Amino acid sequence: MQAASGKNPNCNAQATYFSHLAEGRFMIQQCEHCNKHVFYPRVFCVHCGSERLHWVQPSGKGVVYSTSIVRKKKEDGGDYNVVLIDLEENVRLMSRVEEISLDRIAIGMAVQAKVVLRDGEPVLVFVPTGEPS
């Protein structure tokens, strides 16, 4: 859906999300109508359709739902992981797990969100807090 101005209204929600990251804060939206959390930033609640979304700081606690290793030549930056994380707030997002060797990342592993700088840009990553459950 696009606003009458031709601009995508989701852009404002995305800009707010990245603005929070630039401040070192990981924030997600929560619906004032159904009380459920929403991620990726939206204009409408994906659960009930309400436009009454506000920003909240999640616990950042999550569990690895899925993990994959992307293989690259060393001169191209080397191998890295891509994971899907289920947050306590019942949203799933894509990120990376850091501070652990790639072969030790496992489905069910407890992780914690962390905002870091990569090439001068804020990025959301996760670090392990425990072994797979």
C-alpha atoms as a PDB file:
ATOM      1  CA  MET A   1       0.000   0.000   0.000  1.00  0.00           C
ATOM      2  CA  GLN A   2       1.334   3.436  -0.872  1.00  0.00           C
ATOM      3  CA  ALA A   3       0.315   6.806   0.515  1.00  0.00           C
ATOM      4  CA  ALA A   4      -1.235   9.437  -1.745  1.00  0.00           C
ATOM      5  CA  SER A   5       2.159  11.142  -1.996  1.00  0.00           C
ATOM      6  CA  GLY A   6       3.471   8.028  -3.751  1.00  0.00           C
ATOM      7  CA  LYS A   7       5.816   7.247  -0.851  1.00  0.00           C
ATOM      8  CA  ASN A   8       5.691   3.880   0.813  1.00  0.00           C
ATOM      9  CA  PRO A   9       4.410   4.387   4.398  1.00  0.00           C
ATOM     10  CA  ASN A  10       6.530   1.426   5.534  1.00  0.00           C
ATOM     11  CA  CYS A  11       9.620   3.572   4.851  1.00  0.00           C
ATOM     12  CA  ASN A  12       8.892   5.676   7.947  1.00  0.00           C
ATOM     13  CA  ALA A  13       8.684   2.566  10.130  1.00  0.00           C
ATOM     14  CA  GLN A  14      11.927   1.243   8.658  1.00  0.00           C
ATOM     15  CA  ALA A  15      13.632   4.620   9.148  1.00  0.00           C
ATOM     16  CA  THR A  16      12.549   4.620  12.800  1.00  0.00           C
ATOM     17  CA  TYR A  17      13.905   1.087  13.280  1.00  0.00           C
ATOM     18  CA  PHE A  18      17.295   2.046  11.809  1.00  0.00           C
ATOM     19  CA  SER A  19      17.328   5.281  13.809  1.00  0.00           C
ATOM     20  CA  HIS A  20      16.966   3.221  17.001  1.00  0.00           C
ATOM     21  CA  LEU A  21      19.791   0.934  15.863  1.00  0.00           C
ATOM     22  CA  ALA A  22      21.993   3.998  15.231  1.00  0.00           C
ATOM     23  CA  GLU A  23      21.388   4.909  18.894  1.00  0.00           C
ATOM     24  CA  GLY A  24      22.498   1.413  19.895  1.00  0.00           C
ATOM     25  CA  ARG A  25      18.964   0.257  20.727  1.00  0.00           C
ATOM     26  CA  PHE A  26      17.126  -2.743  19.314  1.00  0.00           C
ATOM     27  CA  MET A  27      13.417  -1.922  19.167  1.00  0.00           C
ATOM     28  CA  ILE A  28      10.399  -3.711  17.726  1.00  0.00           C
ATOM     29  CA  GLN A  29       6.763  -2.741  17.392  1.00  0.00           C
ATOM     30  CA  GLN A  30       3.866  -3.844  19.563  1.00  0.00           C
ATOM     31  CA  CYS A  31       0.203  -3.519  18.672  1.00  0.00           C
ATOM     32  CA  GLU A  32      -1.916  -1.504  21.100  1.00  0.00           C
ATOM     33  CA  HIS A  33      -5.039  -3.362  19.945  1.00  0.00           C
ATOM     34  CA  CYS A  34      -4.067  -7.064  20.153  1.00  0.00           C
ATOM     35  CA  ASN A  35      -0.867  -6.594  22.242  1.00  0.00           C
ATOM     36  CA  LYS A  36       1.182  -8.803  19.894  1.00  0.00           C
ATOM     37  CA  HIS A  37       4.675  -7.893  18.737  1.00  0.00           C
ATOM     38  CA  VAL A  38       5.568  -7.166  15.122  1.00  0.00           C
ATOM     39  CA  PHE A  39       8.844  -7.427  13.240  1.00  0.00           C
ATOM     40  CA  TYR A  40       9.908  -6.307  10.503  1.00  0.00           C
ATOM     41  CA  PRO A  41       8.624  -2.708  10.989  1.00  0.00           C
ATOM     42  CA  ARG A  42       5.144  -2.194   9.576  1.00  0.00           C
ATOM     43  CA  VAL A  43       2.388   0.372   9.296  1.00  0.00           C
ATOM     44  CA  PHE A  44      -0.332  -2.160  10.175  1.00  0.00           C
ATOM     45  CA  CYS A  45      -0.334  -5.017  12.675  1.00  0.00           C
ATOM     46  CA  VAL A  46       0.152  -8.296  10.812  1.00  0.00           C
ATOM     47  CA  HIS A  47      -2.040 -10.045  13.388  1.00  0.00           C
ATOM     48  CA  CYS A  48      -5.154  -7.844  13.566  1.00  0.00           C
ATOM     49  CA  GLY A  49      -4.695  -5.050  11.000  1.00  0.00           C
ATOM     50  CA  SER A  50      -4.636  -2.226  13.544  1.00  0.00           C
ATOM     51  CA  GLU A  51      -2.623   0.902  12.748  1.00  0.00           C
ATOM     52  CA  ARG A  52      -1.887   1.416  16.463  1.00  0.00           C
ATOM     53  CA  LEU A  53       1.706   0.205  16.658  1.00  0.00           C
ATOM     54  CA  HIS A  54       4.228   1.592  19.135  1.00  0.00           C
ATOM     55  CA  TRP A  55       7.914   0.908  19.698  1.00  0.00           C
ATOM     56  CA  VAL A  56       9.122  -1.247  22.596  1.00  0.00           C
ATOM     57  CA  GLN A  57      12.472  -2.658  23.609  1.00  0.00           C
ATOM     58  CA  PRO A  58      12.335  -6.467  23.478  1.00  0.00           C
ATOM     59  CA  SER A  59      14.226  -8.650  25.924  1.00  0.00           C
ATOM     60  CA  GLY A  60      16.611  -9.520  23.092  1.00  0.00           C
ATOM     61  CA  LYS A  61      16.525 -13.132  24.260  1.00  0.00           C
ATOM     62  CA  GLY A  62      15.986 -15.674  21.549  1.00  0.00           C
ATOM     63  CA  VAL A  63      16.594 -19.153  20.261  1.00  0.00           C
ATOM     64  CA  VAL A  64      18.184 -20.210  16.976  1.00  0.00           C
ATOM     65  CA  TYR A  65      15.373 -21.582  14.804  1.00  0.00           C
ATOM     66  CA  SER A  66      17.494 -22.274  11.720  1.00  0.00           C
ATOM     67  CA  THR A  67      21.133 -21.867  10.742  1.00  0.00           C
ATOM     68  CA  SER A  68      23.086 -21.912   7.524  1.00  0.00           C
ATOM     69  CA  ILE A  69      26.700 -21.244   6.572  1.00  0.00           C
ATOM     70  CA  VAL A  70      27.420 -19.178   3.493  1.00  0.00           C
ATOM     71  CA  ARG A  71      30.720 -20.285   1.964  1.00  0.00           C
ATOM     72  CA  LYS A  72      32.938 -17.608   0.439  1.00  0.00           C
ATOM     73  CA  LYS A  73      36.555 -17.405  -0.574  1.00  0.00           C
ATOM     74  CA  LYS A  74      38.832 -16.017   2.125  1.00  0.00           C
ATOM     75  CA  GLU A  75      39.726 -13.036  -0.077  1.00  0.00           C
ATOM     76  CA  ASP A  76      35.989 -12.274  -0.355  1.00  0.00           C
ATOM     77  CA  GLY A  77      35.526 -12.154   3.419  1.00  0.00           C
ATOM     78  CA  GLY A  78      35.343 -15.842   4.215  1.00  0.00           C
ATOM     79  CA  ASP A  79      32.482 -17.975   5.482  1.00  0.00           C
ATOM     80  CA  TYR A  80      29.669 -16.522   7.589  1.00  0.00           C
ATOM     81  CA  ASN A  81      26.409 -17.710   9.103  1.00  0.00           C
ATOM     82  CA  VAL A  82      22.831 -16.706   8.477  1.00  0.00           C
ATOM     83  CA  VAL A  83      20.337 -17.609  11.192  1.00  0.00           C
ATOM     84  CA  LEU A  84      16.652 -17.256  11.900  1.00  0.00           C
ATOM     85  CA  ILE A  85      16.045 -16.294  15.515  1.00  0.00           C
ATOM     86  CA  ASP A  86      12.792 -16.723  17.434  1.00  0.00           C
ATOM     87  CA  LEU A  87      12.562 -13.961  20.029  1.00  0.00           C
ATOM     88  CA  GLU A  88      10.734 -14.349  23.345  1.00  0.00           C
ATOM     89  CA  GLU A  89       8.228 -11.840  21.969  1.00  0.00           C
ATOM     90  CA  ASN A  90       7.104 -14.378  19.328  1.00  0.00           C
ATOM     91  CA  VAL A  91       8.684 -12.747  16.289  1.00  0.00           C
ATOM     92  CA  ARG A  92      11.224 -14.351  13.982  1.00  0.00           C
ATOM     93  CA  LEU A  93      14.055 -12.450  12.351  1.00  0.00           C
ATOM     94  CA  MET A  94      17.144 -13.047  10.240  1.00  0.00           C
ATOM     95  CA  SER A  95      20.584 -12.182  11.581  1.00  0.00           C
ATOM     96  CA  ARG A  96      23.969 -13.701  12.455  1.00  0.00           C
ATOM     97  CA  VAL A  97      25.395 -15.335  15.554  1.00  0.00           C
ATOM     98  CA  GLU A  98      28.834 -14.044  16.505  1.00  0.00           C
ATOM     99  CA  GLU A  99      31.490 -14.787  19.145  1.00  0.00           C
ATOM    100  CA  ILE A 100      31.342 -18.529  18.396  1.00  0.00           C
ATOM    101  CA  SER A 101      32.794 -20.767  15.705  1.00  0.00           C
ATOM    102  CA  LEU A 102      30.437 -21.463  12.809  1.00  0.00           C
ATOM    103  CA  ASP A 103      30.351 -25.213  13.442  1.00  0.00           C
ATOM    104  CA  ARG A 104      29.093 -24.694  17.021  1.00  0.00           C
ATOM    105  CA  ILE A 105      25.977 -22.701  16.103  1.00  0.00           C
ATOM    106  CA  ALA A 106      23.029 -25.020  16.590  1.00  0.00           C
ATOM    107  CA  ILE A 107      19.270 -25.052  16.340  1.00  0.00           C
ATOM    108  CA  GLY A 108      17.848 -24.472  19.814  1.00  0.00           C
ATOM    109  CA  MET A 109      20.848 -22.441  21.013  1.00  0.00           C
ATOM    110  CA  ALA A 110      19.930 -19.599  23.374  1.00  0.00           C
ATOM    111  CA  VAL A 111      21.136 -16.213  22.135  1.00  0.00           C
ATOM    112  CA  GLN A 112      21.019 -12.534  23.092  1.00  0.00           C
ATOM    113  CA  ALA A 113      20.669  -9.548  20.747  1.00  0.00           C
ATOM    114  CA  LYS A 114      23.512  -7.071  20.446  1.00  0.00           C
ATOM    115  CA  VAL A 115      23.890  -3.932  18.299  1.00  0.00           C
ATOM    116  CA  VAL A 116      27.375  -3.639  16.764  1.00  0.00           C
ATOM    117  CA  LEU A 117      29.015  -1.412  14.177  1.00  0.00           C
ATOM    118  CA  ARG A 118      30.047  -2.938  10.833  1.00  0.00           C
ATOM    119  CA  ASP A 119      31.736  -0.627   8.352  1.00  0.00           C
ATOM    120  CA  GLY A 120      30.394   2.304  10.396  1.00  0.00           C
ATOM    121  CA  GLU A 121      26.785   1.080  10.230  1.00  0.00           C
ATOM    122  CA  PRO A 122      24.756  -0.349  13.143  1.00  0.00           C
ATOM    123  CA  VAL A 123      23.847  -4.024  12.704  1.00  0.00           C
ATOM    124  CA  LEU A 124      21.800  -6.360  14.881  1.00  0.00           C
ATOM    125  CA  VAL A 125      23.623  -9.612  15.696  1.00  0.00           C
ATOM    126  CA  PHE A 126      23.234 -12.273  18.362  1.00  0.00           C
ATOM    127  CA  VAL A 127      25.676 -13.869  20.766  1.00  0.00           C
ATOM    128  CA  PRO A 128      25.266 -17.273  22.426  1.00  0.00           C
ATOM    129  CA  THR A 129      24.084 -17.474  26.028  1.00  0.00           C
ATOM    130  CA  GLY A 130      23.771 -21.236  26.283  1.00  0.00           C
ATOM    131  CA  GLU A 131      23.829 -24.587  24.606  1.00  0.00           C
ATOM    132  CA  PRO A 132      20.974 -25.949  22.451  1.00  0.00           C
ATOM    133  CA  SER A 133      17.936 -27.036  24.409  1.00  0.00           C
END
